[in-house]
Amino acid sequence: MASLTAYIDGFNLYYGMKSKYRRKYLWLDPVDLICRLRPHDDVVLVRYFTAVVRGNAEATHNQLGYLDAMTARNGSRLDVRIGRFKHRTPCLPPVR
């Protein structure tokens, strides 16, 4: 049995699951997911990286509620890292 720390990009997980399964797994527990994927390993920590949704108060509220619920459920096994979006400006002119 190996000790395991997993790193999850929350936005990629969310949008990947949403595009394939619609709303079925929107409240997916990331620690439980890793434990199911690696049943013979000791899941010590799951680091979940995300950024708070902007411009949609309901989505922000839902996201923060989800993060609070997952933190309460998993305690120290889940480490949520909240970053911020980086605004990008296009490097190339639009193709005509």
PDB file of N, CA and C in Angstrom:
ATOM      1  N   MET A   1       0.840  -1.174   0.000  1.00  0.00           N
ATOM      2  CA  MET A   1       0.000   0.000   0.000  1.00  0.00           C
ATOM      3  C   MET A   1       0.890   1.243   0.000  1.00  0.00           C
ATOM      4  N   ALA A   2       0.613   2.160  -0.914  1.00  0.00           N
ATOM      5  CA  ALA A   2       1.373   3.401  -1.016  1.00  0.00           C
ATOM      6  C   ALA A   2       0.556   4.556  -0.467  1.00  0.00           C
ATOM      7  N   SER A   3       1.252   5.536   0.087  1.00  0.00           N
ATOM      8  CA  SER A   3       0.596   6.778   0.484  1.00  0.00           C
ATOM      9  C   SER A   3       0.457   7.645  -0.754  1.00  0.00           C
ATOM     10  N   LEU A   4      -0.673   8.323  -0.878  1.00  0.00           N
ATOM     11  CA  LEU A   4      -0.973   9.042  -2.108  1.00  0.00           C
ATOM     12  C   LEU A   4      -1.479  10.445  -1.821  1.00  0.00           C
ATOM     13  N   THR A   5      -0.943  11.416  -2.558  1.00  0.00           N
ATOM     14  CA  THR A   5      -1.479  12.761  -2.605  1.00  0.00           C
ATOM     15  C   THR A   5      -1.911  13.014  -4.038  1.00  0.00           C
ATOM     16  N   ALA A   6      -3.145  13.463  -4.228  1.00  0.00           N
ATOM     17  CA  ALA A   6      -3.676  13.712  -5.567  1.00  0.00           C
ATOM     18  C   ALA A   6      -3.884  15.210  -5.763  1.00  0.00           C
ATOM     19  N   TYR A   7      -3.700  15.642  -6.983  1.00  0.00           N
ATOM     20  CA  TYR A   7      -3.895  17.038  -7.353  1.00  0.00           C
ATOM     21  C   TYR A   7      -4.997  17.096  -8.408  1.00  0.00           C
ATOM     22  N   ILE A   8      -6.016  17.913  -8.164  1.00  0.00           N
ATOM     23  CA  ILE A   8      -7.159  17.992  -9.070  1.00  0.00           C
ATOM     24  C   ILE A   8      -7.362  19.431  -9.520  1.00  0.00           C
ATOM     25  N   ASP A   9      -7.483  19.603 -10.824  1.00  0.00           N
ATOM     26  CA  ASP A   9      -7.874  20.880 -11.401  1.00  0.00           C
ATOM     27  C   ASP A   9      -9.400  20.900 -11.396  1.00  0.00           C
ATOM     28  N   GLY A  10      -9.972  21.658 -10.468  1.00  0.00           N
ATOM     29  CA  GLY A  10     -11.413  21.650 -10.259  1.00  0.00           C
ATOM     30  C   GLY A  10     -12.222  22.050 -11.477  1.00  0.00           C
ATOM     31  N   PHE A  11     -11.767  23.058 -12.230  1.00  0.00           N
ATOM     32  CA  PHE A  11     -12.527  23.488 -13.398  1.00  0.00           C
ATOM     33  C   PHE A  11     -12.522  22.416 -14.475  1.00  0.00           C
ATOM     34  N   ASN A  12     -11.395  21.783 -14.730  1.00  0.00           N
ATOM     35  CA  ASN A  12     -11.364  20.714 -15.731  1.00  0.00           C
ATOM     36  C   ASN A  12     -12.237  19.537 -15.308  1.00  0.00           C
ATOM     37  N   LEU A  13     -12.191  19.184 -14.035  1.00  0.00           N
ATOM     38  CA  LEU A  13     -13.039  18.097 -13.544  1.00  0.00           C
ATOM     39  C   LEU A  13     -14.508  18.462 -13.703  1.00  0.00           C
ATOM     40  N   TYR A  14     -14.874  19.659 -13.248  1.00  0.00           N
ATOM     41  CA  TYR A  14     -16.274  20.092 -13.304  1.00  0.00           C
ATOM     42  C   TYR A  14     -16.802  20.103 -14.738  1.00  0.00           C
ATOM     43  N   TYR A  15     -16.098  20.791 -15.630  1.00  0.00           N
ATOM     44  CA  TYR A  15     -16.602  20.913 -17.000  1.00  0.00           C
ATOM     45  C   TYR A  15     -16.520  19.599 -17.769  1.00  0.00           C
ATOM     46  N   GLY A  16     -15.544  18.768 -17.465  1.00  0.00           N
ATOM     47  CA  GLY A  16     -15.478  17.453 -18.091  1.00  0.00           C
ATOM     48  C   GLY A  16     -16.645  16.570 -17.671  1.00  0.00           C
ATOM     49  N   MET A  17     -16.941  16.558 -16.381  1.00  0.00           N
ATOM     50  CA  MET A  17     -18.063  15.750 -15.883  1.00  0.00           C
ATOM     51  C   MET A  17     -19.399  16.317 -16.374  1.00  0.00           C
ATOM     52  N   LYS A  18     -19.499  17.648 -16.390  1.00  0.00           N
ATOM     53  CA  LYS A  18     -20.751  18.281 -16.823  1.00  0.00           C
ATOM     54  C   LYS A  18     -21.017  18.013 -18.300  1.00  0.00           C
ATOM     55  N   SER A  19     -19.973  18.051 -19.130  1.00  0.00           N
ATOM     56  CA  SER A  19     -20.181  17.829 -20.561  1.00  0.00           C
ATOM     57  C   SER A  19     -20.560  16.381 -20.858  1.00  0.00           C
ATOM     58  N   LYS A  20     -20.053  15.455 -20.069  1.00  0.00           N
ATOM     59  CA  LYS A  20     -20.353  14.041 -20.327  1.00  0.00           C
ATOM     60  C   LYS A  20     -21.613  13.546 -19.602  1.00  0.00           C
ATOM     61  N   TYR A  21     -21.796  13.995 -18.348  1.00  0.00           N
ATOM     62  CA  TYR A  21     -22.883  13.449 -17.526  1.00  0.00           C
ATOM     63  C   TYR A  21     -23.953  14.468 -17.146  1.00  0.00           C
ATOM     64  N   ARG A  22     -23.835  15.695 -17.674  1.00  0.00           N
ATOM     65  CA  ARG A  22     -24.762  16.784 -17.380  1.00  0.00           C
ATOM     66  C   ARG A  22     -24.732  17.097 -15.877  1.00  0.00           C
ATOM     67  N   ARG A  23     -25.827  17.045 -15.187  1.00  0.00           N
ATOM     68  CA  ARG A  23     -25.876  17.453 -13.775  1.00  0.00           C
ATOM     69  C   ARG A  23     -25.696  16.283 -12.793  1.00  0.00           C
ATOM     70  N   LYS A  24     -25.534  15.085 -13.299  1.00  0.00           N
ATOM     71  CA  LYS A  24     -25.522  13.883 -12.454  1.00  0.00           C
ATOM     72  C   LYS A  24     -24.425  13.906 -11.384  1.00  0.00           C
ATOM     73  N   TYR A  25     -23.233  14.407 -11.703  1.00  0.00           N
ATOM     74  CA  TYR A  25     -22.115  14.361 -10.763  1.00  0.00           C
ATOM     75  C   TYR A  25     -21.623  15.749 -10.335  1.00  0.00           C
ATOM     76  N   LEU A  26     -22.505  16.729 -10.307  1.00  0.00           N
ATOM     77  CA  LEU A  26     -22.060  18.077  -9.947  1.00  0.00           C
ATOM     78  C   LEU A  26     -21.603  18.165  -8.491  1.00  0.00           C
ATOM     79  N   TRP A  27     -22.080  17.285  -7.631  1.00  0.00           N
ATOM     80  CA  TRP A  27     -21.661  17.276  -6.221  1.00  0.00           C
ATOM     81  C   TRP A  27     -20.711  16.111  -5.945  1.00  0.00           C
ATOM     82  N   LEU A  28     -19.859  15.839  -6.891  1.00  0.00           N
ATOM     83  CA  LEU A  28     -18.869  14.774  -6.783  1.00  0.00           C
ATOM     84  C   LEU A  28     -17.903  15.055  -5.629  1.00  0.00           C
ATOM     85  N   ASP A  29     -17.650  14.065  -4.814  1.00  0.00           N
ATOM     86  CA  ASP A  29     -16.694  14.195  -3.715  1.00  0.00           C
ATOM     87  C   ASP A  29     -15.304  13.835  -4.245  1.00  0.00           C
ATOM     88  N   PRO A  30     -14.389  14.796  -4.332  1.00  0.00           N
ATOM     89  CA  PRO A  30     -13.078  14.512  -4.935  1.00  0.00           C
ATOM     90  C   PRO A  30     -12.255  13.501  -4.140  1.00  0.00           C
ATOM     91  N   VAL A  31     -12.371  13.478  -2.826  1.00  0.00           N
ATOM     92  CA  VAL A  31     -11.616  12.504  -2.026  1.00  0.00           C
ATOM     93  C   VAL A  31     -12.169  11.103  -2.274  1.00  0.00           C
ATOM     94  N   ASP A  32     -13.481  10.979  -2.296  1.00  0.00           N
ATOM     95  CA  ASP A  32     -14.091   9.681  -2.577  1.00  0.00           C
ATOM     96  C   ASP A  32     -13.722   9.196  -3.982  1.00  0.00           C
ATOM     97  N   LEU A  33     -13.685  10.113  -4.942  1.00  0.00           N
ATOM     98  CA  LEU A  33     -13.295   9.756  -6.309  1.00  0.00           C
ATOM     99  C   LEU A  33     -11.900   9.144  -6.330  1.00  0.00           C
ATOM    100  N   ILE A  34     -10.941   9.795  -5.691  1.00  0.00           N
ATOM    101  CA  ILE A  34      -9.566   9.280  -5.689  1.00  0.00           C
ATOM    102  C   ILE A  34      -9.492   7.946  -4.945  1.00  0.00           C
ATOM    103  N   CYS A  35     -10.220   7.825  -3.845  1.00  0.00           N
ATOM    104  CA  CYS A  35     -10.229   6.552  -3.100  1.00  0.00           C
ATOM    105  C   CYS A  35     -10.781   5.415  -3.956  1.00  0.00           C
ATOM    106  N   ARG A  36     -11.786   5.700  -4.771  1.00  0.00           N
ATOM    107  CA  ARG A  36     -12.345   4.670  -5.656  1.00  0.00           C
ATOM    108  C   ARG A  36     -11.404   4.339  -6.817  1.00  0.00           C
ATOM    109  N   LEU A  37     -10.692   5.354  -7.309  1.00  0.00           N
ATOM    110  CA  LEU A  37      -9.749   5.108  -8.402  1.00  0.00           C
ATOM    111  C   LEU A  37      -8.501   4.364  -7.930  1.00  0.00           C
ATOM    112  N   ARG A  38      -8.126   4.566  -6.678  1.00  0.00           N
ATOM    113  CA  ARG A  38      -6.907   3.947  -6.120  1.00  0.00           C
ATOM    114  C   ARG A  38      -7.247   3.187  -4.830  1.00  0.00           C
ATOM    115  N   PRO A  39      -8.047   2.114  -4.903  1.00  0.00           N
ATOM    116  CA  PRO A  39      -8.548   1.446  -3.704  1.00  0.00           C
ATOM    117  C   PRO A  39      -7.471   0.800  -2.837  1.00  0.00           C
ATOM    118  N   HIS A  40      -6.296   0.529  -3.385  1.00  0.00           N
ATOM    119  CA  HIS A  40      -5.259  -0.139  -2.605  1.00  0.00           C
ATOM    120  C   HIS A  40      -4.225   0.826  -2.034  1.00  0.00           C
ATOM    121  N   ASP A  41      -4.448   2.118  -2.237  1.00  0.00           N
ATOM    122  CA  ASP A  41      -3.527   3.129  -1.725  1.00  0.00           C
ATOM    123  C   ASP A  41      -4.158   3.889  -0.567  1.00  0.00           C
ATOM    124  N   ASP A  42      -3.309   4.433   0.272  1.00  0.00           N
ATOM    125  CA  ASP A  42      -3.736   5.259   1.393  1.00  0.00           C
ATOM    126  C   ASP A  42      -3.785   6.710   0.908  1.00  0.00           C
ATOM    127  N   VAL A  43      -4.989   7.228   0.671  1.00  0.00           N
ATOM    128  CA  VAL A  43      -5.146   8.600   0.191  1.00  0.00           C
ATOM    129  C   VAL A  43      -4.978   9.536   1.383  1.00  0.00           C
ATOM    130  N   VAL A  44      -3.828  10.169   1.423  1.00  0.00           N
ATOM    131  CA  VAL A  44      -3.480  11.049   2.542  1.00  0.00           C
ATOM    132  C   VAL A  44      -4.070  12.436   2.332  1.00  0.00           C
ATOM    133  N   LEU A  45      -4.002  12.930   1.083  1.00  0.00           N
ATOM    134  CA  LEU A  45      -4.409  14.307   0.817  1.00  0.00           C
ATOM    135  C   LEU A  45      -4.856  14.450  -0.631  1.00  0.00           C
ATOM    136  N   VAL A  46      -5.898  15.234  -0.826  1.00  0.00           N
ATOM    137  CA  VAL A  46      -6.324  15.625  -2.160  1.00  0.00           C
ATOM    138  C   VAL A  46      -6.283  17.148  -2.195  1.00  0.00           C
ATOM    139  N   ARG A  47      -5.473  17.685  -3.095  1.00  0.00           N
ATOM    140  CA  ARG A  47      -5.410  19.136  -3.293  1.00  0.00           C
ATOM    141  C   ARG A  47      -6.307  19.480  -4.472  1.00  0.00           C
ATOM    142  N   TYR A  48      -7.272  20.339  -4.211  1.00  0.00           N
ATOM    143  CA  TYR A  48      -8.282  20.701  -5.199  1.00  0.00           C
ATOM    144  C   TYR A  48      -8.108  22.170  -5.548  1.00  0.00           C
ATOM    145  N   PHE A  49      -7.711  22.437  -6.783  1.00  0.00           N
ATOM    146  CA  PHE A  49      -7.432  23.792  -7.239  1.00  0.00           C
ATOM    147  C   PHE A  49      -8.616  24.331  -8.031  1.00  0.00           C
ATOM    148  N   THR A  50      -9.032  25.552  -7.705  1.00  0.00           N
ATOM    149  CA  THR A  50     -10.154  26.162  -8.399  1.00  0.00           C
ATOM    150  C   THR A  50     -10.058  27.675  -8.287  1.00  0.00           C
ATOM    151  N   ALA A  51     -10.993  28.356  -8.903  1.00  0.00           N
ATOM    152  CA  ALA A  51     -11.151  29.802  -8.770  1.00  0.00           C
ATOM    153  C   ALA A  51     -12.643  30.066  -8.636  1.00  0.00           C
ATOM    154  N   VAL A  52     -12.997  31.100  -7.918  1.00  0.00           N
ATOM    155  CA  VAL A  52     -14.402  31.407  -7.689  1.00  0.00           C
ATOM    156  C   VAL A  52     -15.006  32.005  -8.958  1.00  0.00           C
ATOM    157  N   VAL A  53     -16.177  31.509  -9.305  1.00  0.00           N
ATOM    158  CA  VAL A  53     -16.903  31.986 -10.479  1.00  0.00           C
ATOM    159  C   VAL A  53     -17.234  33.467 -10.297  1.00  0.00           C
ATOM    160  N   ARG A  54     -17.053  34.237 -11.358  1.00  0.00           N
ATOM    161  CA  ARG A  54     -17.378  35.666 -11.316  1.00  0.00           C
ATOM    162  C   ARG A  54     -18.568  35.960 -12.226  1.00  0.00           C
ATOM    163  N   GLY A  55     -19.304  37.010 -11.864  1.00  0.00           N
ATOM    164  CA  GLY A  55     -20.363  37.493 -12.738  1.00  0.00           C
ATOM    165  C   GLY A  55     -21.676  36.739 -12.658  1.00  0.00           C
ATOM    166  N   ASN A  56     -21.772  35.769 -11.755  1.00  0.00           N
ATOM    167  CA  ASN A  56     -23.014  35.010 -11.601  1.00  0.00           C
ATOM    168  C   ASN A  56     -23.151  34.673 -10.120  1.00  0.00           C
ATOM    169  N   ALA A  57     -23.945  35.467  -9.412  1.00  0.00           N
ATOM    170  CA  ALA A  57     -24.061  35.325  -7.953  1.00  0.00           C
ATOM    171  C   ALA A  57     -24.552  33.937  -7.542  1.00  0.00           C
ATOM    172  N   GLU A  58     -25.498  33.391  -8.288  1.00  0.00           N
ATOM    173  CA  GLU A  58     -26.023  32.065  -7.946  1.00  0.00           C
ATOM    174  C   GLU A  58     -24.953  30.986  -8.120  1.00  0.00           C
ATOM    175  N   ALA A  59     -24.193  31.053  -9.210  1.00  0.00           N
ATOM    176  CA  ALA A  59     -23.124  30.079  -9.442  1.00  0.00           C
ATOM    177  C   ALA A  59     -22.040  30.202  -8.374  1.00  0.00           C
ATOM    178  N   THR A  60     -21.705  31.428  -7.994  1.00  0.00           N
ATOM    179  CA  THR A  60     -20.708  31.645  -6.940  1.00  0.00           C
ATOM    180  C   THR A  60     -21.192  31.038  -5.624  1.00  0.00           C
ATOM    181  N   HIS A  61     -22.444  31.296  -5.284  1.00  0.00           N
ATOM    182  CA  HIS A  61     -23.033  30.753  -4.049  1.00  0.00           C
ATOM    183  C   HIS A  61     -23.013  29.224  -4.066  1.00  0.00           C
ATOM    184  N   ASN A  62     -23.405  28.635  -5.183  1.00  0.00           N
ATOM    185  CA  ASN A  62     -23.411  27.172  -5.300  1.00  0.00           C
ATOM    186  C   ASN A  62     -22.001  26.598  -5.185  1.00  0.00           C
ATOM    187  N   GLN A  63     -21.052  27.245  -5.835  1.00  0.00           N
ATOM    188  CA  GLN A  63     -19.671  26.762  -5.801  1.00  0.00           C
ATOM    189  C   GLN A  63     -19.111  26.820  -4.384  1.00  0.00           C
ATOM    190  N   LEU A  64     -19.306  27.932  -3.699  1.00  0.00           N
ATOM    191  CA  LEU A  64     -18.791  28.060  -2.330  1.00  0.00           C
ATOM    192  C   LEU A  64     -19.484  27.080  -1.386  1.00  0.00           C
ATOM    193  N   GLY A  65     -20.779  26.845  -1.601  1.00  0.00           N
ATOM    194  CA  GLY A  65     -21.494  25.843  -0.799  1.00  0.00           C
ATOM    195  C   GLY A  65     -20.925  24.452  -1.015  1.00  0.00           C
ATOM    196  N   TYR A  66     -20.634  24.120  -2.265  1.00  0.00           N
ATOM    197  CA  TYR A  66     -20.021  22.825  -2.598  1.00  0.00           C
ATOM    198  C   TYR A  66     -18.663  22.679  -1.914  1.00  0.00           C
ATOM    199  N   LEU A  67     -17.820  23.703  -2.019  1.00  0.00           N
ATOM    200  CA  LEU A  67     -16.487  23.634  -1.409  1.00  0.00           C
ATOM    201  C   LEU A  67     -16.577  23.514   0.108  1.00  0.00           C
ATOM    202  N   ASP A  68     -17.493  24.252   0.721  1.00  0.00           N
ATOM    203  CA  ASP A  68     -17.687  24.150   2.179  1.00  0.00           C
ATOM    204  C   ASP A  68     -18.143  22.749   2.580  1.00  0.00           C
ATOM    205  N   ALA A  69     -19.078  22.184   1.813  1.00  0.00           N
ATOM    206  CA  ALA A  69     -19.593  20.842   2.126  1.00  0.00           C
ATOM    207  C   ALA A  69     -18.496  19.788   1.985  1.00  0.00           C
ATOM    208  N   MET A  70     -17.700  19.875   0.924  1.00  0.00           N
ATOM    209  CA  MET A  70     -16.634  18.897   0.728  1.00  0.00           C
ATOM    210  C   MET A  70     -15.543  19.033   1.792  1.00  0.00           C
ATOM    211  N   THR A  71     -15.260  20.249   2.212  1.00  0.00           N
ATOM    212  CA  THR A  71     -14.272  20.462   3.270  1.00  0.00           C
ATOM    213  C   THR A  71     -14.794  19.910   4.587  1.00  0.00           C
ATOM    214  N   ALA A  72     -16.059  20.159   4.901  1.00  0.00           N
ATOM    215  CA  ALA A  72     -16.649  19.638   6.135  1.00  0.00           C
ATOM    216  C   ALA A  72     -16.678  18.109   6.128  1.00  0.00           C
ATOM    217  N   ARG A  73     -16.967  17.528   4.990  1.00  0.00           N
ATOM    218  CA  ARG A  73     -17.056  16.059   4.883  1.00  0.00           C
ATOM    219  C   ARG A  73     -15.695  15.382   5.013  1.00  0.00           C
ATOM    220  N   ASN A  74     -14.661  15.990   4.423  1.00  0.00           N
ATOM    221  CA  ASN A  74     -13.362  15.323   4.330  1.00  0.00           C
ATOM    222  C   ASN A  74     -12.307  15.832   5.287  1.00  0.00           C
ATOM    223  N   GLY A  75     -12.540  16.940   5.950  1.00  0.00           N
ATOM    224  CA  GLY A  75     -11.579  17.460   6.932  1.00  0.00           C
ATOM    225  C   GLY A  75     -10.220  17.712   6.317  1.00  0.00           C
ATOM    226  N   SER A  76      -9.199  17.243   6.998  1.00  0.00           N
ATOM    227  CA  SER A  76      -7.821  17.527   6.582  1.00  0.00           C
ATOM    228  C   SER A  76      -7.375  16.725   5.351  1.00  0.00           C
ATOM    229  N   ARG A  77      -8.191  15.802   4.876  1.00  0.00           N
ATOM    230  CA  ARG A  77      -7.825  15.040   3.676  1.00  0.00           C
ATOM    231  C   ARG A  77      -8.046  15.842   2.394  1.00  0.00           C
ATOM    232  N   LEU A  78      -8.782  16.969   2.499  1.00  0.00           N
ATOM    233  CA  LEU A  78      -9.036  17.815   1.338  1.00  0.00           C
ATOM    234  C   LEU A  78      -8.460  19.201   1.588  1.00  0.00           C
ATOM    235  N   ASP A  79      -7.593  19.626   0.692  1.00  0.00           N
ATOM    236  CA  ASP A  79      -6.984  20.952   0.767  1.00  0.00           C
ATOM    237  C   ASP A  79      -7.437  21.729  -0.465  1.00  0.00           C
ATOM    238  N   VAL A  80      -8.349  22.692  -0.254  1.00  0.00           N
ATOM    239  CA  VAL A  80      -8.882  23.492  -1.354  1.00  0.00           C
ATOM    240  C   VAL A  80      -8.004  24.719  -1.527  1.00  0.00           C
ATOM    241  N   ARG A  81      -7.509  24.908  -2.732  1.00  0.00           N
ATOM    242  CA  ARG A  81      -6.686  26.069  -3.076  1.00  0.00           C
ATOM    243  C   ARG A  81      -7.473  26.942  -4.039  1.00  0.00           C
ATOM    244  N   ILE A  82      -7.852  28.128  -3.579  1.00  0.00           N
ATOM    245  CA  ILE A  82      -8.629  29.037  -4.412  1.00  0.00           C
ATOM    246  C   ILE A  82      -7.696  30.076  -5.011  1.00  0.00           C
ATOM    247  N   GLY A  83      -7.636  30.070  -6.321  1.00  0.00           N
ATOM    248  CA  GLY A  83      -6.816  31.030  -7.052  1.00  0.00           C
ATOM    249  C   GLY A  83      -7.695  32.078  -7.687  1.00  0.00           C
ATOM    250  N   ARG A  84      -7.230  32.635  -8.777  1.00  0.00           N
ATOM    251  CA  ARG A  84      -8.016  33.633  -9.499  1.00  0.00           C
ATOM    252  C   ARG A  84      -7.799  33.443 -10.986  1.00  0.00           C
ATOM    253  N   PHE A  85      -8.762  33.921 -11.746  1.00  0.00           N
ATOM    254  CA  PHE A  85      -8.660  33.840 -13.190  1.00  0.00           C
ATOM    255  C   PHE A  85      -7.624  34.826 -13.683  1.00  0.00           C
ATOM    256  N   LYS A  86      -6.914  34.445 -14.698  1.00  0.00           N
ATOM    257  CA  LYS A  86      -5.977  35.355 -15.348  1.00  0.00           C
ATOM    258  C   LYS A  86      -6.592  35.782 -16.666  1.00  0.00           C
ATOM    259  N   HIS A  87      -6.791  37.067 -16.798  1.00  0.00           N
ATOM    260  CA  HIS A  87      -7.354  37.581 -18.044  1.00  0.00           C
ATOM    261  C   HIS A  87      -6.267  37.595 -19.103  1.00  0.00           C
ATOM    262  N   ARG A  88      -6.582  37.057 -20.244  1.00  0.00           N
ATOM    263  CA  ARG A  88      -5.618  36.989 -21.337  1.00  0.00           C
ATOM    264  C   ARG A  88      -6.054  37.911 -22.464  1.00  0.00           C
ATOM    265  N   THR A  89      -5.084  38.482 -23.085  1.00  0.00           N
ATOM    266  CA  THR A  89      -5.364  39.252 -24.294  1.00  0.00           C
ATOM    267  C   THR A  89      -4.836  38.444 -25.473  1.00  0.00           C
ATOM    268  N   PRO A  90      -5.565  38.449 -26.554  1.00  0.00           N
ATOM    269  CA  PRO A  90      -5.115  37.659 -27.717  1.00  0.00           C
ATOM    270  C   PRO A  90      -3.741  38.113 -28.202  1.00  0.00           C
ATOM    271  N   CYS A  91      -2.914  37.163 -28.555  1.00  0.00           N
ATOM    272  CA  CYS A  91      -1.569  37.445 -29.052  1.00  0.00           C
ATOM    273  C   CYS A  91      -1.567  37.702 -30.556  1.00  0.00           C
ATOM    274  N   LEU A  92      -2.473  37.074 -31.247  1.00  0.00           N
ATOM    275  CA  LEU A  92      -2.509  37.173 -32.704  1.00  0.00           C
ATOM    276  C   LEU A  92      -3.793  37.882 -33.133  1.00  0.00           C
ATOM    277  N   PRO A  93      -3.743  38.570 -34.254  1.00  0.00           N
ATOM    278  CA  PRO A  93      -4.985  39.183 -34.760  1.00  0.00           C
ATOM    279  C   PRO A  93      -5.959  38.103 -35.209  1.00  0.00           C
ATOM    280  N   PRO A  94      -7.257  38.403 -35.196  1.00  0.00           N
ATOM    281  CA  PRO A  94      -8.246  37.409 -35.640  1.00  0.00           C
ATOM    282  C   PRO A  94      -8.005  36.986 -37.084  1.00  0.00           C
ATOM    283  N   VAL A  95      -8.268  35.732 -37.376  1.00  0.00           N
ATOM    284  CA  VAL A  95      -8.115  35.192 -38.727  1.00  0.00           C
ATOM    285  C   VAL A  95      -9.324  35.620 -39.561  1.00  0.00           C
ATOM    286  N   ARG A  96      -9.044  36.113 -40.752  1.00  0.00           N
ATOM    287  CA  ARG A  96     -10.154  36.548 -41.629  1.00  0.00           C
ATOM    288  C   ARG A  96     -10.338  35.597 -42.781  1.00  0.00           C
TER     289      ARG A  96
END
